[in-house]
């Protein structure tokens, strides 16, 4: 697992489509901007570097994360 700050649109499209999250992929560039603006994004990749999943947090840096 690793923290990431940059997101490839094609990779995000494939990941979200693999779990049928179509609402997020209608505008994949917006999805990538949202991820980049998240408080923290942690990804899991296999040994070949293929993206397996991700988790993100949003925060006000005071009370909510």
N, C-alpha and C. Protein backbone atom coordinates (compact mmCIF):
# COMPACT_ATOMS: atom_id res chain seq x y z
N UNK A 1 0.85 -1.17 0.00
CA UNK A 1 0.00 0.00 0.00
C UNK A 1 0.89 1.23 0.00
N UNK A 2 0.40 2.25 -0.70
CA UNK A 2 1.18 3.48 -0.82
C UNK A 2 0.25 4.68 -0.96
N UNK A 3 0.75 5.83 -0.54
CA UNK A 3 0.02 7.07 -0.74
C UNK A 3 0.31 7.57 -2.15
N UNK A 4 -0.73 8.03 -2.84
CA UNK A 4 -0.54 8.57 -4.19
C UNK A 4 -1.20 9.93 -4.30
N UNK A 5 -0.65 10.75 -5.20
CA UNK A 5 -1.16 12.10 -5.40
C UNK A 5 -1.53 12.39 -6.84
N UNK A 6 -1.08 11.55 -7.78
CA UNK A 6 -1.39 11.73 -9.19
C UNK A 6 -2.13 10.49 -9.67
N UNK A 7 -3.11 10.71 -10.58
CA UNK A 7 -3.98 9.62 -10.98
C UNK A 7 -4.16 9.60 -12.48
N UNK A 8 -3.96 8.43 -13.07
CA UNK A 8 -4.10 8.24 -14.50
C UNK A 8 -5.58 8.01 -14.83
N UNK A 9 -6.16 8.82 -15.71
CA UNK A 9 -7.57 8.68 -16.03
C UNK A 9 -7.96 7.29 -16.53
N UNK A 10 -7.16 6.69 -17.39
CA UNK A 10 -7.49 5.36 -17.90
C UNK A 10 -7.47 4.32 -16.79
N UNK A 11 -6.51 4.44 -15.89
CA UNK A 11 -6.41 3.50 -14.77
C UNK A 11 -7.60 3.66 -13.81
N UNK A 12 -7.99 4.90 -13.56
CA UNK A 12 -9.13 5.15 -12.68
C UNK A 12 -10.43 4.67 -13.34
N UNK A 13 -10.56 4.92 -14.63
CA UNK A 13 -11.74 4.46 -15.37
C UNK A 13 -11.88 2.95 -15.24
N UNK A 14 -10.79 2.23 -15.44
CA UNK A 14 -10.82 0.77 -15.37
C UNK A 14 -11.15 0.29 -13.96
N UNK A 15 -10.56 0.89 -12.95
CA UNK A 15 -10.81 0.48 -11.57
C UNK A 15 -12.27 0.70 -11.19
N UNK A 16 -12.77 1.89 -11.41
CA UNK A 16 -14.15 2.20 -11.03
C UNK A 16 -15.15 1.40 -11.85
N UNK A 17 -14.87 1.18 -13.12
CA UNK A 17 -15.76 0.38 -13.96
C UNK A 17 -15.79 -1.07 -13.49
N UNK A 18 -14.68 -1.56 -12.94
CA UNK A 18 -14.62 -2.96 -12.50
C UNK A 18 -15.57 -3.25 -11.34
N UNK A 19 -16.02 -2.20 -10.65
CA UNK A 19 -16.97 -2.38 -9.54
C UNK A 19 -18.29 -1.66 -9.83
N UNK A 20 -18.50 -1.33 -11.11
CA UNK A 20 -19.74 -0.71 -11.58
C UNK A 20 -20.06 0.62 -10.92
N UNK A 21 -19.05 1.43 -10.61
CA UNK A 21 -19.28 2.77 -10.06
C UNK A 21 -19.33 3.75 -11.22
N UNK A 22 -20.41 3.71 -11.98
CA UNK A 22 -20.53 4.48 -13.21
C UNK A 22 -20.69 5.97 -12.97
N UNK A 23 -21.29 6.38 -11.87
CA UNK A 23 -21.49 7.80 -11.61
C UNK A 23 -20.18 8.57 -11.55
N UNK A 24 -19.15 7.93 -11.05
CA UNK A 24 -17.86 8.61 -10.93
C UNK A 24 -17.12 8.66 -12.26
N UNK A 25 -17.43 7.78 -13.17
CA UNK A 25 -16.64 7.70 -14.40
C UNK A 25 -17.27 8.44 -15.57
N UNK A 26 -18.40 9.09 -15.35
CA UNK A 26 -18.99 9.89 -16.44
C UNK A 26 -18.06 11.03 -16.85
N UNK A 27 -17.31 11.55 -15.88
CA UNK A 27 -16.31 12.59 -16.13
C UNK A 27 -15.04 12.18 -15.39
N UNK A 28 -14.24 11.34 -16.06
CA UNK A 28 -13.07 10.76 -15.40
C UNK A 28 -12.04 11.82 -15.02
N UNK A 29 -11.95 12.92 -15.77
CA UNK A 29 -11.02 13.98 -15.38
C UNK A 29 -11.46 14.62 -14.07
N UNK A 30 -12.75 14.78 -13.89
CA UNK A 30 -13.27 15.31 -12.62
C UNK A 30 -12.97 14.33 -11.49
N UNK A 31 -13.13 13.04 -11.74
CA UNK A 31 -12.79 12.02 -10.75
C UNK A 31 -11.33 12.16 -10.33
N UNK A 32 -10.43 12.29 -11.28
CA UNK A 32 -9.01 12.41 -10.97
C UNK A 32 -8.71 13.69 -10.19
N UNK A 33 -9.37 14.79 -10.53
CA UNK A 33 -9.20 16.03 -9.77
C UNK A 33 -9.69 15.84 -8.34
N UNK A 34 -10.82 15.17 -8.18
CA UNK A 34 -11.35 14.91 -6.85
C UNK A 34 -10.40 14.07 -6.02
N UNK A 35 -9.83 13.05 -6.63
CA UNK A 35 -8.85 12.23 -5.92
C UNK A 35 -7.63 13.05 -5.54
N UNK A 36 -7.14 13.86 -6.48
CA UNK A 36 -5.95 14.68 -6.21
C UNK A 36 -6.21 15.69 -5.10
N UNK A 37 -7.44 16.14 -4.96
CA UNK A 37 -7.78 17.12 -3.93
C UNK A 37 -8.21 16.47 -2.61
N UNK A 38 -8.17 15.16 -2.54
CA UNK A 38 -8.53 14.46 -1.31
C UNK A 38 -7.46 14.67 -0.25
N UNK A 39 -7.84 14.48 0.98
CA UNK A 39 -6.91 14.60 2.10
C UNK A 39 -5.80 13.56 1.99
N UNK A 40 -6.18 12.33 1.67
CA UNK A 40 -5.23 11.23 1.57
C UNK A 40 -5.83 10.18 0.65
N UNK A 41 -5.01 9.64 -0.25
CA UNK A 41 -5.41 8.51 -1.09
C UNK A 41 -4.35 7.43 -0.94
N UNK A 42 -4.79 6.25 -0.55
CA UNK A 42 -3.90 5.10 -0.40
C UNK A 42 -4.32 4.06 -1.43
N UNK A 43 -3.34 3.53 -2.15
CA UNK A 43 -3.63 2.54 -3.18
C UNK A 43 -2.98 1.20 -2.86
N UNK A 44 -3.54 0.16 -3.44
CA UNK A 44 -2.95 -1.17 -3.39
C UNK A 44 -2.67 -1.60 -4.83
N UNK A 45 -1.47 -2.08 -5.05
CA UNK A 45 -1.05 -2.53 -6.38
C UNK A 45 -0.42 -3.91 -6.27
N UNK A 46 -0.51 -4.68 -7.36
CA UNK A 46 0.15 -5.98 -7.36
C UNK A 46 1.63 -5.81 -7.69
N UNK A 47 2.36 -6.91 -7.73
CA UNK A 47 3.81 -6.84 -7.97
C UNK A 47 4.16 -6.23 -9.32
N UNK A 48 3.24 -6.32 -10.28
CA UNK A 48 3.48 -5.74 -11.60
C UNK A 48 3.11 -4.26 -11.65
N UNK A 49 2.55 -3.74 -10.56
CA UNK A 49 2.18 -2.33 -10.51
C UNK A 49 0.75 -2.03 -10.91
N UNK A 50 -0.02 -3.07 -11.22
CA UNK A 50 -1.42 -2.86 -11.61
C UNK A 50 -2.24 -2.44 -10.39
N UNK A 51 -3.08 -1.46 -10.57
CA UNK A 51 -3.92 -0.95 -9.49
C UNK A 51 -4.99 -1.97 -9.13
N UNK A 52 -5.05 -2.32 -7.84
CA UNK A 52 -6.04 -3.27 -7.34
C UNK A 52 -7.19 -2.57 -6.62
N UNK A 53 -6.91 -1.44 -6.00
CA UNK A 53 -7.94 -0.73 -5.26
C UNK A 53 -7.38 0.52 -4.64
N UNK A 54 -8.28 1.34 -4.09
CA UNK A 54 -7.85 2.55 -3.41
C UNK A 54 -8.84 2.92 -2.32
N UNK A 55 -8.36 3.70 -1.39
CA UNK A 55 -9.19 4.29 -0.35
C UNK A 55 -8.79 5.75 -0.24
N UNK A 56 -9.78 6.61 -0.02
CA UNK A 56 -9.46 8.02 0.10
C UNK A 56 -10.16 8.60 1.31
N UNK A 57 -9.59 9.67 1.85
CA UNK A 57 -10.23 10.40 2.94
C UNK A 57 -10.40 11.85 2.52
N UNK A 58 -11.43 12.44 3.06
CA UNK A 58 -11.62 13.88 2.93
C UNK A 58 -11.64 14.43 4.35
N UNK A 59 -11.21 15.64 4.54
CA UNK A 59 -11.06 16.15 5.89
C UNK A 59 -11.17 17.66 5.93
N UNK A 60 -11.59 18.15 7.09
CA UNK A 60 -11.53 19.59 7.33
C UNK A 60 -10.28 19.94 8.16
N UNK A 61 -9.44 18.94 8.41
CA UNK A 61 -8.20 19.08 9.18
C UNK A 61 -8.41 19.51 10.62
N UNK A 62 -9.63 19.42 11.10
CA UNK A 62 -9.94 19.77 12.48
C UNK A 62 -10.74 18.68 13.17
N UNK A 63 -11.90 18.35 12.61
CA UNK A 63 -12.81 17.43 13.28
C UNK A 63 -13.14 16.18 12.47
N UNK A 64 -13.13 16.30 11.17
CA UNK A 64 -13.68 15.23 10.35
C UNK A 64 -12.63 14.73 9.35
N UNK A 65 -12.54 13.42 9.28
CA UNK A 65 -11.71 12.79 8.27
C UNK A 65 -12.40 11.51 7.84
